[in-house]
Amino acid sequence: MKRVECIVRPHLLDAVKSGLQDVGVVGMTITEVKGFGRQKGHTETYRGAEYRVEFLPKVRIEAVVADELVDAVVDSVLQTARTGKFGDGKIFVSSLDEVIRIRTGERGEDAI
């Protein structure tokens, strides 16, 4: 089993979510986050005063999937979240030793 964590632009959340559901992801966790990378923020003007916004809003999507689904999940996120500009985000894939469903006590892929 793998945990796939994606950090994407907020306005692309619905497209990414639909793409993940289409490839078989049955559950995910969404978190609103802020951060910066190479994009380095931007400058905004408010009431005539300029100020720098360093931490930009992003959305973190986490999904636990079977090993066989990882490539399809990554490809789906790449297709739906890529704009070709700085700030498109990142995808992290990490291994999980164990998953346990609290309600039933199921373990492993049965708990996904």
PDB file of N, CA and C in Angstrom:
ATOM      1  N   MET A   1       0.838  -1.177   0.000  1.00  0.00           N
ATOM      2  CA  MET A   1       0.000   0.000   0.000  1.00  0.00           C
ATOM      3  C   MET A   1       0.882   1.239   0.000  1.00  0.00           C
ATOM      4  N   LYS A   2       0.362   2.285  -0.597  1.00  0.00           N
ATOM      5  CA  LYS A   2       1.107   3.541  -0.688  1.00  0.00           C
ATOM      6  C   LYS A   2       0.206   4.700  -0.277  1.00  0.00           C
ATOM      7  N   ARG A   3       0.836   5.722   0.273  1.00  0.00           N
ATOM      8  CA  ARG A   3       0.151   6.986   0.525  1.00  0.00           C
ATOM      9  C   ARG A   3       0.603   7.939  -0.580  1.00  0.00           C
ATOM     10  N   VAL A   4      -0.354   8.484  -1.299  1.00  0.00           N
ATOM     11  CA  VAL A   4      -0.058   9.468  -2.332  1.00  0.00           C
ATOM     12  C   VAL A   4      -0.538  10.812  -1.813  1.00  0.00           C
ATOM     13  N   GLU A   5       0.393  11.741  -1.696  1.00  0.00           N
ATOM     14  CA  GLU A   5       0.089  13.080  -1.188  1.00  0.00           C
ATOM     15  C   GLU A   5       0.380  14.072  -2.307  1.00  0.00           C
ATOM     16  N   CYS A   6      -0.627  14.868  -2.651  1.00  0.00           N
ATOM     17  CA  CYS A   6      -0.494  15.831  -3.736  1.00  0.00           C
ATOM     18  C   CYS A   6      -0.766  17.223  -3.200  1.00  0.00           C
ATOM     19  N   ILE A   7       0.050  18.167  -3.588  1.00  0.00           N
ATOM     20  CA  ILE A   7      -0.183  19.563  -3.244  1.00  0.00           C
ATOM     21  C   ILE A   7      -0.435  20.289  -4.560  1.00  0.00           C
ATOM     22  N   VAL A   8      -1.649  20.840  -4.709  1.00  0.00           N
ATOM     23  CA  VAL A   8      -2.064  21.426  -5.977  1.00  0.00           C
ATOM     24  C   VAL A   8      -2.698  22.794  -5.760  1.00  0.00           C
ATOM     25  N   ARG A   9      -2.948  23.484  -6.864  1.00  0.00           N
ATOM     26  CA  ARG A   9      -3.629  24.780  -6.815  1.00  0.00           C
ATOM     27  C   ARG A   9      -5.090  24.569  -6.394  1.00  0.00           C
ATOM     28  N   PRO A  10      -5.623  25.448  -5.541  1.00  0.00           N
ATOM     29  CA  PRO A  10      -6.985  25.252  -5.021  1.00  0.00           C
ATOM     30  C   PRO A  10      -8.067  25.174  -6.098  1.00  0.00           C
ATOM     31  N   HIS A  11      -7.944  25.953  -7.163  1.00  0.00           N
ATOM     32  CA  HIS A  11      -9.008  25.954  -8.165  1.00  0.00           C
ATOM     33  C   HIS A  11      -9.035  24.673  -9.000  1.00  0.00           C
ATOM     34  N   LEU A  12      -8.025  23.815  -8.856  1.00  0.00           N
ATOM     35  CA  LEU A  12      -7.987  22.556  -9.588  1.00  0.00           C
ATOM     36  C   LEU A  12      -8.463  21.366  -8.758  1.00  0.00           C
ATOM     37  N   LEU A  13      -8.915  21.628  -7.527  1.00  0.00           N
ATOM     38  CA  LEU A  13      -9.310  20.546  -6.626  1.00  0.00           C
ATOM     39  C   LEU A  13     -10.400  19.665  -7.228  1.00  0.00           C
ATOM     40  N   ASP A  14     -11.455  20.241  -7.765  1.00  0.00           N
ATOM     41  CA  ASP A  14     -12.556  19.435  -8.299  1.00  0.00           C
ATOM     42  C   ASP A  14     -12.104  18.543  -9.450  1.00  0.00           C
ATOM     43  N   ALA A  15     -11.270  19.076 -10.334  1.00  0.00           N
ATOM     44  CA  ALA A  15     -10.773  18.288 -11.463  1.00  0.00           C
ATOM     45  C   ALA A  15      -9.902  17.132 -10.978  1.00  0.00           C
ATOM     46  N   VAL A  16      -9.027  17.400 -10.015  1.00  0.00           N
ATOM     47  CA  VAL A  16      -8.153  16.356  -9.486  1.00  0.00           C
ATOM     48  C   VAL A  16      -8.981  15.299  -8.767  1.00  0.00           C
ATOM     49  N   LYS A  17      -9.952  15.732  -7.965  1.00  0.00           N
ATOM     50  CA  LYS A  17     -10.814  14.796  -7.236  1.00  0.00           C
ATOM     51  C   LYS A  17     -11.573  13.889  -8.203  1.00  0.00           C
ATOM     52  N   SER A  18     -12.139  14.455  -9.244  1.00  0.00           N
ATOM     53  CA  SER A  18     -12.873  13.652 -10.232  1.00  0.00           C
ATOM     54  C   SER A  18     -11.952  12.666 -10.937  1.00  0.00           C
ATOM     55  N   GLY A  19     -10.761  13.117 -11.286  1.00  0.00           N
ATOM     56  CA  GLY A  19      -9.794  12.235 -11.933  1.00  0.00           C
ATOM     57  C   GLY A  19      -9.393  11.073 -11.046  1.00  0.00           C
ATOM     58  N   LEU A  20      -9.202  11.341  -9.749  1.00  0.00           N
ATOM     59  CA  LEU A  20      -8.840  10.279  -8.818  1.00  0.00           C
ATOM     60  C   LEU A  20      -9.980   9.276  -8.653  1.00  0.00           C
ATOM     61  N   GLN A  21     -11.201   9.768  -8.581  1.00  0.00           N
ATOM     62  CA  GLN A  21     -12.344   8.857  -8.465  1.00  0.00           C
ATOM     63  C   GLN A  21     -12.479   7.997  -9.722  1.00  0.00           C
ATOM     64  N   ASP A  22     -12.182   8.563 -10.887  1.00  0.00           N
ATOM     65  CA  ASP A  22     -12.277   7.821 -12.144  1.00  0.00           C
ATOM     66  C   ASP A  22     -11.286   6.656 -12.223  1.00  0.00           C
ATOM     67  N   VAL A  23     -10.125   6.787 -11.563  1.00  0.00           N
ATOM     68  CA  VAL A  23      -9.144   5.698 -11.613  1.00  0.00           C
ATOM     69  C   VAL A  23      -9.289   4.710 -10.461  1.00  0.00           C
ATOM     70  N   GLY A  24     -10.281   4.933  -9.584  1.00  0.00           N
ATOM     71  CA  GLY A  24     -10.563   3.949  -8.548  1.00  0.00           C
ATOM     72  C   GLY A  24     -10.240   4.331  -7.125  1.00  0.00           C
ATOM     73  N   VAL A  25      -9.894   5.575  -6.873  1.00  0.00           N
ATOM     74  CA  VAL A  25      -9.640   6.002  -5.493  1.00  0.00           C
ATOM     75  C   VAL A  25     -10.992   6.154  -4.802  1.00  0.00           C
ATOM     76  N   VAL A  26     -11.176   5.454  -3.681  1.00  0.00           N
ATOM     77  CA  VAL A  26     -12.474   5.454  -3.010  1.00  0.00           C
ATOM     78  C   VAL A  26     -12.552   6.422  -1.832  1.00  0.00           C
ATOM     79  N   GLY A  27     -11.430   6.944  -1.376  1.00  0.00           N
ATOM     80  CA  GLY A  27     -11.436   7.888  -0.272  1.00  0.00           C
ATOM     81  C   GLY A  27     -10.203   8.756  -0.303  1.00  0.00           C
ATOM     82  N   MET A  28     -10.353   9.974   0.187  1.00  0.00           N
ATOM     83  CA  MET A  28      -9.213  10.895   0.229  1.00  0.00           C
ATOM     84  C   MET A  28      -9.448  11.914   1.324  1.00  0.00           C
ATOM     85  N   THR A  29      -8.391  12.568   1.742  1.00  0.00           N
ATOM     86  CA  THR A  29      -8.455  13.630   2.735  1.00  0.00           C
ATOM     87  C   THR A  29      -7.945  14.901   2.089  1.00  0.00           C
ATOM     88  N   ILE A  30      -8.698  15.987   2.263  1.00  0.00           N
ATOM     89  CA  ILE A  30      -8.348  17.273   1.669  1.00  0.00           C
ATOM     90  C   ILE A  30      -8.032  18.251   2.795  1.00  0.00           C
ATOM     91  N   THR A  31      -6.922  18.962   2.669  1.00  0.00           N
ATOM     92  CA  THR A  31      -6.530  19.962   3.654  1.00  0.00           C
ATOM     93  C   THR A  31      -6.138  21.243   2.931  1.00  0.00           C
ATOM     94  N   GLU A  32      -6.638  22.374   3.412  1.00  0.00           N
ATOM     95  CA  GLU A  32      -6.193  23.655   2.867  1.00  0.00           C
ATOM     96  C   GLU A  32      -4.894  24.031   3.563  1.00  0.00           C
ATOM     97  N   VAL A  33      -3.865  24.294   2.769  1.00  0.00           N
ATOM     98  CA  VAL A  33      -2.543  24.601   3.307  1.00  0.00           C
ATOM     99  C   VAL A  33      -2.007  25.858   2.639  1.00  0.00           C
ATOM    100  N   LYS A  34      -0.903  26.374   3.156  1.00  0.00           N
ATOM    101  CA  LYS A  34      -0.206  27.498   2.542  1.00  0.00           C
ATOM    102  C   LYS A  34       1.267  27.160   2.465  1.00  0.00           C
ATOM    103  N   GLY A  35       1.922  27.656   1.438  1.00  0.00           N
ATOM    104  CA  GLY A  35       3.346  27.384   1.310  1.00  0.00           C
ATOM    105  C   GLY A  35       3.935  28.085   0.103  1.00  0.00           C
ATOM    106  N   PHE A  36       5.222  27.851  -0.105  1.00  0.00           N
ATOM    107  CA  PHE A  36       5.869  28.383  -1.293  1.00  0.00           C
ATOM    108  C   PHE A  36       7.028  27.488  -1.665  1.00  0.00           C
ATOM    109  N   GLY A  37       7.406  27.549  -2.908  1.00  0.00           N
ATOM    110  CA  GLY A  37       8.562  26.832  -3.429  1.00  0.00           C
ATOM    111  C   GLY A  37       9.276  27.767  -4.373  1.00  0.00           C
ATOM    112  N   ARG A  38       9.469  27.333  -5.591  1.00  0.00           N
ATOM    113  CA  ARG A  38      10.130  28.180  -6.580  1.00  0.00           C
ATOM    114  C   ARG A  38       9.268  29.371  -6.973  1.00  0.00           C
ATOM    115  N   GLN A  39       7.970  29.262  -6.744  1.00  0.00           N
ATOM    116  CA  GLN A  39       7.066  30.345  -7.114  1.00  0.00           C
ATOM    117  C   GLN A  39       7.358  31.613  -6.301  1.00  0.00           C
ATOM    118  N   LYS A  40       7.805  31.458  -5.065  1.00  0.00           N
ATOM    119  CA  LYS A  40       8.248  32.543  -4.189  1.00  0.00           C
ATOM    120  C   LYS A  40       7.185  33.598  -3.875  1.00  0.00           C
ATOM    121  N   GLY A  41       5.918  33.278  -3.993  1.00  0.00           N
ATOM    122  CA  GLY A  41       4.873  34.238  -3.647  1.00  0.00           C
ATOM    123  C   GLY A  41       4.680  35.277  -4.732  1.00  0.00           C
ATOM    124  N   HIS A  42       3.946  36.339  -4.387  1.00  0.00           N
ATOM    125  CA  HIS A  42       3.710  37.419  -5.347  1.00  0.00           C
ATOM    126  C   HIS A  42       3.383  38.700  -4.599  1.00  0.00           C
ATOM    127  N   THR A  43       3.342  39.809  -5.330  1.00  0.00           N
ATOM    128  CA  THR A  43       3.061  41.115  -4.737  1.00  0.00           C
ATOM    129  C   THR A  43       1.623  41.512  -5.057  1.00  0.00           C
ATOM    130  N   GLU A  44       0.904  42.012  -4.063  1.00  0.00           N
ATOM    131  CA  GLU A  44      -0.467  42.480  -4.252  1.00  0.00           C
ATOM    132  C   GLU A  44      -0.574  43.918  -3.792  1.00  0.00           C
ATOM    133  N   THR A  45      -1.584  44.606  -4.282  1.00  0.00           N
ATOM    134  CA  THR A  45      -1.832  45.978  -3.880  1.00  0.00           C
ATOM    135  C   THR A  45      -3.169  46.040  -3.168  1.00  0.00           C
ATOM    136  N   TYR A  46      -3.182  46.638  -1.988  1.00  0.00           N
ATOM    137  CA  TYR A  46      -4.409  46.786  -1.222  1.00  0.00           C
ATOM    138  C   TYR A  46      -4.498  48.230  -0.751  1.00  0.00           C
ATOM    139  N   ARG A  47      -5.532  48.952  -1.206  1.00  0.00           N
ATOM    140  CA  ARG A  47      -5.738  50.361  -0.869  1.00  0.00           C
ATOM    141  C   ARG A  47      -4.501  51.202  -1.148  1.00  0.00           C
ATOM    142  N   GLY A  48      -3.887  50.945  -2.272  1.00  0.00           N
ATOM    143  CA  GLY A  48      -2.750  51.738  -2.708  1.00  0.00           C
ATOM    144  C   GLY A  48      -1.411  51.312  -2.143  1.00  0.00           C
ATOM    145  N   ALA A  49      -1.400  50.373  -1.211  1.00  0.00           N
ATOM    146  CA  ALA A  49      -0.144  49.922  -0.616  1.00  0.00           C
ATOM    147  C   ALA A  49       0.203  48.539  -1.159  1.00  0.00           C
ATOM    148  N   GLU A  50       1.443  48.374  -1.560  1.00  0.00           N
ATOM    149  CA  GLU A  50       1.906  47.075  -2.027  1.00  0.00           C
ATOM    150  C   GLU A  50       2.407  46.251  -0.853  1.00  0.00           C
ATOM    151  N   TYR A  51       2.091  44.971  -0.880  1.00  0.00           N
ATOM    152  CA  TYR A  51       2.644  44.065   0.119  1.00  0.00           C
ATOM    153  C   TYR A  51       2.912  42.717  -0.534  1.00  0.00           C
ATOM    154  N   ARG A  52       3.810  41.990   0.051  1.00  0.00           N
ATOM    155  CA  ARG A  52       4.265  40.716  -0.520  1.00  0.00           C
ATOM    156  C   ARG A  52       3.536  39.558   0.153  1.00  0.00           C
ATOM    157  N   VAL A  53       2.946  38.681  -0.649  1.00  0.00           N
ATOM    158  CA  VAL A  53       2.316  37.459  -0.158  1.00  0.00           C
ATOM    159  C   VAL A  53       3.312  36.333  -0.402  1.00  0.00           C
ATOM    160  N   GLU A  54       3.903  35.826   0.672  1.00  0.00           N
ATOM    161  CA  GLU A  54       4.932  34.800   0.527  1.00  0.00           C
ATOM    162  C   GLU A  54       4.347  33.393   0.565  1.00  0.00           C
ATOM    163  N   PHE A  55       3.361  33.162   1.415  1.00  0.00           N
ATOM    164  CA  PHE A  55       2.761  31.843   1.524  1.00  0.00           C
ATOM    165  C   PHE A  55       1.465  31.833   0.725  1.00  0.00           C
ATOM    166  N   LEU A  56       1.452  31.020  -0.329  1.00  0.00           N
ATOM    167  CA  LEU A  56       0.319  30.977  -1.227  1.00  0.00           C
ATOM    168  C   LEU A  56      -0.621  29.840  -0.845  1.00  0.00           C
ATOM    169  N   PRO A  57      -1.926  30.029  -1.042  1.00  0.00           N
ATOM    170  CA  PRO A  57      -2.871  28.958  -0.707  1.00  0.00           C
ATOM    171  C   PRO A  57      -2.728  27.782  -1.666  1.00  0.00           C
ATOM    172  N   LYS A  58      -2.740  26.601  -1.106  1.00  0.00           N
ATOM    173  CA  LYS A  58      -2.681  25.347  -1.862  1.00  0.00           C
ATOM    174  C   LYS A  58      -3.655  24.373  -1.212  1.00  0.00           C
ATOM    175  N   VAL A  59      -3.853  23.238  -1.859  1.00  0.00           N
ATOM    176  CA  VAL A  59      -4.682  22.172  -1.312  1.00  0.00           C
ATOM    177  C   VAL A  59      -3.846  20.902  -1.280  1.00  0.00           C
ATOM    178  N   ARG A  60      -3.875  20.213  -0.132  1.00  0.00           N
ATOM    179  CA  ARG A  60      -3.167  18.938  -0.014  1.00  0.00           C
ATOM    180  C   ARG A  60      -4.207  17.821  -0.069  1.00  0.00           C
ATOM    181  N   ILE A  61      -4.000  16.897  -0.986  1.00  0.00           N
ATOM    182  CA  ILE A  61      -4.889  15.754  -1.158  1.00  0.00           C
ATOM    183  C   ILE A  61      -4.102  14.507  -0.768  1.00  0.00           C
ATOM    184  N   GLU A  62      -4.638  13.739   0.175  1.00  0.00           N
ATOM    185  CA  GLU A  62      -3.977  12.511   0.601  1.00  0.00           C
ATOM    186  C   GLU A  62      -4.893  11.337   0.298  1.00  0.00           C
ATOM    187  N   ALA A  63      -4.325  10.295  -0.288  1.00  0.00           N
ATOM    188  CA  ALA A  63      -5.083   9.085  -0.574  1.00  0.00           C
ATOM    189  C   ALA A  63      -4.197   7.878  -0.320  1.00  0.00           C
ATOM    190  N   VAL A  64      -4.772   6.847   0.260  1.00  0.00           N
ATOM    191  CA  VAL A  64      -4.063   5.587   0.458  1.00  0.00           C
ATOM    192  C   VAL A  64      -4.601   4.622  -0.589  1.00  0.00           C
ATOM    193  N   VAL A  65      -3.687   4.061  -1.383  1.00  0.00           N
ATOM    194  CA  VAL A  65      -4.103   3.203  -2.490  1.00  0.00           C
ATOM    195  C   VAL A  65      -3.274   1.927  -2.514  1.00  0.00           C
ATOM    196  N   ALA A  66      -3.806   0.920  -3.206  1.00  0.00           N
ATOM    197  CA  ALA A  66      -3.061  -0.320  -3.423  1.00  0.00           C
ATOM    198  C   ALA A  66      -1.892  -0.025  -4.357  1.00  0.00           C
ATOM    199  N   ASP A  67      -0.845  -0.824  -4.251  1.00  0.00           N
ATOM    200  CA  ASP A  67       0.357  -0.619  -5.058  1.00  0.00           C
ATOM    201  C   ASP A  67       0.047  -0.552  -6.555  1.00  0.00           C
ATOM    202  N   GLU A  68      -0.929  -1.359  -7.017  1.00  0.00           N
ATOM    203  CA  GLU A  68      -1.254  -1.407  -8.438  1.00  0.00           C
ATOM    204  C   GLU A  68      -1.849  -0.102  -8.952  1.00  0.00           C
ATOM    205  N   LEU A  69      -2.432   0.707  -8.067  1.00  0.00           N
ATOM    206  CA  LEU A  69      -3.097   1.947  -8.475  1.00  0.00           C
ATOM    207  C   LEU A  69      -2.184   3.160  -8.506  1.00  0.00           C
ATOM    208  N   VAL A  70      -0.998   3.050  -7.962  1.00  0.00           N
ATOM    209  CA  VAL A  70      -0.136   4.222  -7.793  1.00  0.00           C
ATOM    210  C   VAL A  70       0.148   4.929  -9.121  1.00  0.00           C
ATOM    211  N   ASP A  71       0.535   4.199 -10.139  1.00  0.00           N
ATOM    212  CA  ASP A  71       0.861   4.831 -11.422  1.00  0.00           C
ATOM    213  C   ASP A  71      -0.348   5.534 -12.027  1.00  0.00           C
ATOM    214  N   ALA A  72      -1.519   4.914 -11.938  1.00  0.00           N
ATOM    215  CA  ALA A  72      -2.736   5.529 -12.470  1.00  0.00           C
ATOM    216  C   ALA A  72      -3.091   6.793 -11.701  1.00  0.00           C
ATOM    217  N   VAL A  73      -2.903   6.776 -10.378  1.00  0.00           N
ATOM    218  CA  VAL A  73      -3.192   7.944  -9.552  1.00  0.00           C
ATOM    219  C   VAL A  73      -2.240   9.088  -9.905  1.00  0.00           C
ATOM    220  N   VAL A  74      -0.966   8.799  -9.994  1.00  0.00           N
ATOM    221  CA  VAL A  74       0.028   9.827 -10.328  1.00  0.00           C
ATOM    222  C   VAL A  74      -0.257  10.407 -11.714  1.00  0.00           C
ATOM    223  N   ASP A  75      -0.531   9.558 -12.684  1.00  0.00           N
ATOM    224  CA  ASP A  75      -0.836  10.038 -14.036  1.00  0.00           C
ATOM    225  C   ASP A  75      -2.077  10.917 -14.049  1.00  0.00           C
ATOM    226  N   SER A  76      -3.090  10.539 -13.290  1.00  0.00           N
ATOM    227  CA  SER A  76      -4.320  11.328 -13.227  1.00  0.00           C
ATOM    228  C   SER A  76      -4.058  12.722 -12.657  1.00  0.00           C
ATOM    229  N   VAL A  77      -3.282  12.791 -11.582  1.00  0.00           N
ATOM    230  CA  VAL A  77      -2.967  14.094 -10.983  1.00  0.00           C
ATOM    231  C   VAL A  77      -2.136  14.932 -11.948  1.00  0.00           C
ATOM    232  N   LEU A  78      -1.169  14.322 -12.603  1.00  0.00           N
ATOM    233  CA  LEU A  78      -0.349  15.058 -13.567  1.00  0.00           C
ATOM    234  C   LEU A  78      -1.203  15.644 -14.691  1.00  0.00           C
ATOM    235  N   GLN A  79      -2.171  14.886 -15.176  1.00  0.00           N
ATOM    236  CA  GLN A  79      -3.016  15.363 -16.268  1.00  0.00           C
ATOM    237  C   GLN A  79      -3.953  16.477 -15.832  1.00  0.00           C
ATOM    238  N   THR A  80      -4.491  16.383 -14.619  1.00  0.00           N
ATOM    239  CA  THR A  80      -5.511  17.346 -14.193  1.00  0.00           C
ATOM    240  C   THR A  80      -4.950  18.576 -13.496  1.00  0.00           C
ATOM    241  N   ALA A  81      -3.758  18.493 -12.909  1.00  0.00           N
ATOM    242  CA  ALA A  81      -3.233  19.607 -12.110  1.00  0.00           C
ATOM    243  C   ALA A  81      -2.136  20.402 -12.812  1.00  0.00           C
ATOM    244  N   ARG A  82      -1.656  19.939 -13.943  1.00  0.00           N
ATOM    245  CA  ARG A  82      -0.537  20.605 -14.606  1.00  0.00           C
ATOM    246  C   ARG A  82      -1.011  21.795 -15.435  1.00  0.00           C
ATOM    247  N   THR A  83      -0.435  22.978 -15.137  1.00  0.00           N
ATOM    248  CA  THR A  83      -0.688  24.165 -15.954  1.00  0.00           C
ATOM    249  C   THR A  83       0.570  24.566 -16.715  1.00  0.00           C
ATOM    250  N   GLY A  84       1.717  24.022 -16.297  1.00  0.00           N
ATOM    251  CA  GLY A  84       2.979  24.352 -16.944  1.00  0.00           C
ATOM    252  C   GLY A  84       3.669  25.565 -16.351  1.00  0.00           C
ATOM    253  N   LYS A  85       3.142  26.105 -15.259  1.00  0.00           N
ATOM    254  CA  LYS A  85       3.724  27.290 -14.624  1.00  0.00           C
ATOM    255  C   LYS A  85       4.267  26.928 -13.251  1.00  0.00           C
ATOM    256  N   PHE A  86       5.145  27.790 -12.730  1.00  0.00           N
ATOM    257  CA  PHE A  86       5.626  27.596 -11.366  1.00  0.00           C
ATOM    258  C   PHE A  86       4.429  27.566 -10.424  1.00  0.00           C
ATOM    259  N   GLY A  87       4.496  26.706  -9.411  1.00  0.00           N
ATOM    260  CA  GLY A  87       3.428  26.650  -8.416  1.00  0.00           C
ATOM    261  C   GLY A  87       2.396  25.582  -8.684  1.00  0.00           C
ATOM    262  N   ASP A  88       2.632  24.712  -9.680  1.00  0.00           N
ATOM    263  CA  ASP A  88       1.678  23.636  -9.961  1.00  0.00           C
ATOM    264  C   ASP A  88       1.599  22.633  -8.818  1.00  0.00           C
ATOM    265  N   GLY A  89       2.653  22.478  -8.049  1.00  0.00           N
ATOM    266  CA  GLY A  89       2.594  21.604  -6.884  1.00  0.00           C
ATOM    267  C   GLY A  89       3.547  20.437  -6.968  1.00  0.00           C
ATOM    268  N   LYS A  90       3.320  19.463  -6.083  1.00  0.00           N
ATOM    269  CA  LYS A  90       4.180  18.286  -5.967  1.00  0.00           C
ATOM    270  C   LYS A  90       3.314  17.064  -5.696  1.00  0.00           C
ATOM    271  N   ILE A  91       3.874  15.897  -6.007  1.00  0.00           N
ATOM    272  CA  ILE A  91       3.268  14.616  -5.652  1.00  0.00           C
ATOM    273  C   ILE A  91       4.308  13.833  -4.862  1.00  0.00           C
ATOM    274  N   PHE A  92       3.912  13.329  -3.695  1.00  0.00           N
ATOM    275  CA  PHE A  92       4.786  12.511  -2.859  1.00  0.00           C
ATOM    276  C   PHE A  92       4.159  11.129  -2.737  1.00  0.00           C
ATOM    277  N   VAL A  93       4.953  10.089  -2.923  1.00  0.00           N
ATOM    278  CA  VAL A  93       4.473   8.719  -2.766  1.00  0.00           C
ATOM    279  C   VAL A  93       5.325   8.056  -1.697  1.00  0.00           C
ATOM    280  N   SER A  94       4.664   7.505  -0.683  1.00  0.00           N
ATOM    281  CA  SER A  94       5.408   6.834   0.387  1.00  0.00           C
ATOM    282  C   SER A  94       4.739   5.502   0.726  1.00  0.00           C
ATOM    283  N   SER A  95       5.517   4.579   1.254  1.00  0.00           N
ATOM    284  CA  SER A  95       5.020   3.253   1.603  1.00  0.00           C
ATOM    285  C   SER A  95       4.345   3.268   2.968  1.00  0.00           C
ATOM    286  N   LEU A  96       3.356   2.424   3.118  1.00  0.00           N
ATOM    287  CA  LEU A  96       2.672   2.255   4.398  1.00  0.00           C
ATOM    288  C   LEU A  96       2.878   0.828   4.883  1.00  0.00           C
ATOM    289  N   ASP A  97       3.198   0.679   6.154  1.00  0.00           N
ATOM    290  CA  ASP A  97       3.372  -0.655   6.717  1.00  0.00           C
ATOM    291  C   ASP A  97       2.035  -1.305   7.036  1.00  0.00           C
ATOM    292  N   GLU A  98       1.104  -0.519   7.535  1.00  0.00           N
ATOM    293  CA  GLU A  98      -0.160  -1.094   7.991  1.00  0.00           C
ATOM    294  C   GLU A  98      -1.261  -0.057   7.920  1.00  0.00           C
ATOM    295  N   VAL A  99      -2.457  -0.514   7.563  1.00  0.00           N
ATOM    296  CA  VAL A  99      -3.662   0.314   7.601  1.00  0.00           C
ATOM    297  C   VAL A  99      -4.708  -0.482   8.360  1.00  0.00           C
ATOM    298  N   ILE A 100      -5.386   0.166   9.308  1.00  0.00           N
ATOM    299  CA  ILE A 100      -6.400  -0.505  10.117  1.00  0.00           C
ATOM    300  C   ILE A 100      -7.657   0.351  10.123  1.00  0.00           C
ATOM    301  N   ARG A 101      -8.785  -0.258   9.742  1.00  0.00           N
ATOM    302  CA  ARG A 101     -10.067   0.440   9.819  1.00  0.00           C
ATOM    303  C   ARG A 101     -10.559   0.325  11.259  1.00  0.00           C
ATOM    304  N   ILE A 102     -10.766   1.442  11.914  1.00  0.00           N
ATOM    305  CA  ILE A 102     -11.132   1.454  13.325  1.00  0.00           C
ATOM    306  C   ILE A 102     -12.480   0.772  13.559  1.00  0.00           C
ATOM    307  N   ARG A 103     -13.468   1.052  12.715  1.00  0.00           N
ATOM    308  CA  ARG A 103     -14.827   0.534  12.937  1.00  0.00           C
ATOM    309  C   ARG A 103     -14.883  -0.986  12.951  1.00  0.00           C
ATOM    310  N   THR A 104     -14.190  -1.627  12.003  1.00  0.00           N
ATOM    311  CA  THR A 104     -14.306  -3.089  11.861  1.00  0.00           C
ATOM    312  C   THR A 104     -13.069  -3.867  12.280  1.00  0.00           C
ATOM    313  N   GLY A 105     -11.941  -3.173  12.408  1.00  0.00           N
ATOM    314  CA  GLY A 105     -10.701  -3.857  12.740  1.00  0.00           C
ATOM    315  C   GLY A 105     -10.016  -4.475  11.531  1.00  0.00           C
ATOM    316  N   GLU A 106     -10.565  -4.248  10.318  1.00  0.00           N
ATOM    317  CA  GLU A 106      -9.937  -4.786   9.115  1.00  0.00           C
ATOM    318  C   GLU A 106      -8.534  -4.213   8.966  1.00  0.00           C
ATOM    319  N   ARG A 107      -7.654  -5.014   8.368  1.00  0.00           N
ATOM    320  CA  ARG A 107      -6.258  -4.605   8.191  1.00  0.00           C
ATOM    321  C   ARG A 107      -5.830  -4.727   6.741  1.00  0.00           C
ATOM    322  N   GLY A 108      -4.785  -3.972   6.408  1.00  0.00           N
ATOM    323  CA  GLY A 108      -4.211  -4.044   5.074  1.00  0.00           C
ATOM    324  C   GLY A 108      -5.122  -3.437   4.021  1.00  0.00           C
ATOM    325  N   GLU A 109      -5.083  -4.008   2.806  1.00  0.00           N
ATOM    326  CA  GLU A 109      -5.861  -3.457   1.704  1.00  0.00           C
ATOM    327  C   GLU A 109      -7.362  -3.544   1.941  1.00  0.00           C
ATOM    328  N   ASP A 110      -7.809  -4.479   2.788  1.00  0.00           N
ATOM    329  CA  ASP A 110      -9.246  -4.550   3.120  1.00  0.00           C
ATOM    330  C   ASP A 110      -9.713  -3.311   3.863  1.00  0.00           C
ATOM    331  N   ALA A 111      -8.790  -2.612   4.517  1.00  0.00           N
ATOM    332  CA  ALA A 111      -9.154  -1.433   5.306  1.00  0.00           C
ATOM    333  C   ALA A 111      -9.184  -0.161   4.487  1.00  0.00           C
ATOM    334  N   ILE A 112      -8.737  -0.236   3.237  1.00  0.00           N
ATOM    335  CA  ILE A 112      -8.708   0.985   2.422  1.00  0.00           C
ATOM    336  C   ILE A 112     -10.094   1.381   2.004  1.00  0.00           C
TER     337      ILE A 112
END
